[in-house]
Protein backbone atom coordinates (compact mmCIF):
# COMPACT_ATOMS: atom_id res chain seq x y z
CA UNK A 1 -21.50 -7.73 3.37
CA UNK A 2 -18.13 -8.27 2.21
CA UNK A 3 -15.84 -7.76 4.84
CA UNK A 4 -15.48 -11.04 6.64
CA UNK A 5 -13.79 -12.25 3.24
CA UNK A 6 -10.61 -10.09 3.29
CA UNK A 7 -8.29 -8.22 5.83
CA UNK A 8 -7.46 -4.65 5.11
CA UNK A 9 -3.56 -4.20 5.37
CA UNK A 10 -1.72 -2.11 8.00
CA UNK A 11 -0.92 1.16 6.24
CA UNK A 12 1.25 4.19 8.24
CA UNK A 13 -1.01 6.67 6.82
CA UNK A 14 -5.00 6.45 7.60
CA UNK A 15 -6.45 7.57 4.44
CA UNK A 16 -9.65 6.13 3.50
CA UNK A 17 -9.08 6.69 -0.27
CA UNK A 18 -6.13 4.17 -0.28
CA UNK A 19 -6.28 0.89 0.85
CA UNK A 20 -4.64 -2.54 0.37
CA UNK A 21 -7.10 -5.48 0.76
CA UNK A 22 -5.95 -9.22 1.23
CA UNK A 23 -7.82 -11.83 0.23
CA UNK A 24 -7.20 -15.29 1.54
CA UNK A 25 -7.34 -18.08 -0.98
CA UNK A 26 -7.88 -16.03 -4.04
CA UNK A 27 -5.56 -15.86 -7.04
CA UNK A 28 -5.36 -14.16 -10.70
CA UNK A 29 -8.50 -15.39 -11.59
CA UNK A 30 -10.45 -13.28 -9.15
CA UNK A 31 -7.82 -10.54 -9.05
CA UNK A 32 -7.81 -9.69 -12.67
CA UNK A 33 -11.48 -9.83 -13.23
CA UNK A 34 -12.01 -7.56 -9.93
CA UNK A 35 -9.20 -5.06 -11.01
CA UNK A 36 -10.77 -4.71 -14.32
CA UNK A 37 -14.57 -3.97 -13.03
CA UNK A 38 -13.10 -1.70 -10.22
CA UNK A 39 -10.94 0.44 -12.88
CA UNK A 40 -13.87 1.20 -14.83
CA UNK A 41 -15.17 3.22 -11.90
CA UNK A 42 -14.48 6.86 -13.09
CA UNK A 43 -13.45 7.76 -9.18
CA UNK A 44 -10.70 5.03 -8.88
CA UNK A 45 -7.20 6.51 -9.71
CA UNK A 46 -5.38 3.35 -9.31
CA UNK A 47 -6.19 -0.60 -8.83
CA UNK A 48 -3.58 -3.26 -9.26
CA UNK A 49 -3.13 -6.57 -7.59
CA UNK A 50 -0.13 -8.94 -6.57
CA UNK A 51 0.09 -12.57 -5.52
CA UNK A 52 3.14 -12.04 -3.05
CA UNK A 53 4.78 -15.72 -3.41
CA UNK A 54 3.43 -18.54 -5.18
CA UNK A 55 3.21 -20.60 -1.93
CA UNK A 56 0.83 -18.31 -0.42
CA UNK A 57 -2.58 -18.33 -1.17
CA UNK A 58 -3.06 -14.81 -1.07
CA UNK A 59 -4.12 -11.93 -3.13
CA UNK A 60 -3.26 -7.87 -2.60
CA UNK A 61 -5.50 -5.63 -4.13
CA UNK A 62 -4.50 -1.97 -4.02
CA UNK A 63 -7.26 0.70 -4.54
CA UNK A 64 -6.59 4.54 -4.75
CA UNK A 65 -9.65 6.69 -5.47
CA UNK A 66 -10.14 10.55 -5.61
CA UNK A 67 -13.36 10.83 -3.68
CA UNK A 68 -15.18 7.67 -2.86
CA UNK A 69 -13.62 5.52 0.04
CA UNK A 70 -11.45 2.56 -1.31
CA UNK A 71 -13.64 0.06 0.69
CA UNK A 72 -16.91 1.33 -1.30
CA UNK A 73 -15.09 1.26 -4.71
CA UNK A 74 -14.32 -2.54 -3.73
CA UNK A 75 -17.74 -3.29 -2.28
CA UNK A 76 -19.02 -1.70 -5.83
CA UNK A 77 -16.42 -4.01 -7.71
CA UNK A 78 -17.74 -7.24 -5.78
CA UNK A 79 -21.20 -6.58 -6.32
CA UNK A 80 -20.57 -5.75 -10.00
CA UNK A 81 -18.32 -9.33 -10.18
CA UNK A 82 -20.90 -11.01 -8.48
CA UNK A 83 -23.64 -9.65 -10.88
CA UNK A 84 -21.55 -10.57 -13.93
CA UNK A 85 -20.78 -14.01 -12.54
CA UNK A 86 -24.70 -14.72 -11.79
CA UNK A 87 -25.25 -13.29 -15.53
CA UNK A 88 -22.81 -15.91 -16.96
CA UNK A 89 -23.80 -18.66 -14.99
CA UNK A 90 -27.66 -18.26 -16.08
CA UNK A 91 -26.71 -17.62 -19.65
CA UNK A 92 -24.57 -21.09 -19.30
CA UNK A 93 -27.45 -23.04 -17.56
CA UNK A 94 -29.90 -21.58 -20.47
CA UNK A 95 -27.60 -22.91 -23.50
CA UNK A 96 -27.16 -26.42 -21.66
CA UNK A 97 -31.12 -26.87 -21.20
CA UNK A 98 -31.45 -25.88 -24.79
CA UNK A 99 -28.86 -28.22 -25.99
CA UNK A 100 -30.20 -31.09 -24.39
CA UNK A 101 -33.77 -30.32 -25.60
CA UNK A 102 -32.41 -30.37 -29.09
CA UNK A 103 -30.33 -33.84 -28.43
CA UNK A 104 -33.93 -35.39 -27.08
CA UNK A 105 -35.49 -34.28 -30.32
CA UNK A 106 -33.13 -36.15 -32.57
C-alpha cells in the first residue's frame, strides 16, 4: 500500500529488521511526526531521520527492530500517521463549521 512512495536504501547486510527508507519530496514535518509514532512501538529499538542536504528534497528514515520487520514497523507508523491526520482534519473542520454557525447567529 505504501511501498510506492519510498525506496529502500541498499544495505550491505540483508536484514529485514534494519532498513533505511528514502522518501522523495518529504522533509522534517513528516520525518519528525513519523519518527515519533514509530518510536512508540515497543518492538522498535531505533528510529531516526536525516535530510542529507538542504538542496535535495529527500528524507532518510532509519528503523531498527527486535522481531518485527522494519517494513512492518514503517507501515504501522504510516497507518497511525494517516489516522492521526484524519482525526486532526475532522476536528478542525468541525470547529470551523461550529464557528461559522455561531457567526451567522449574531
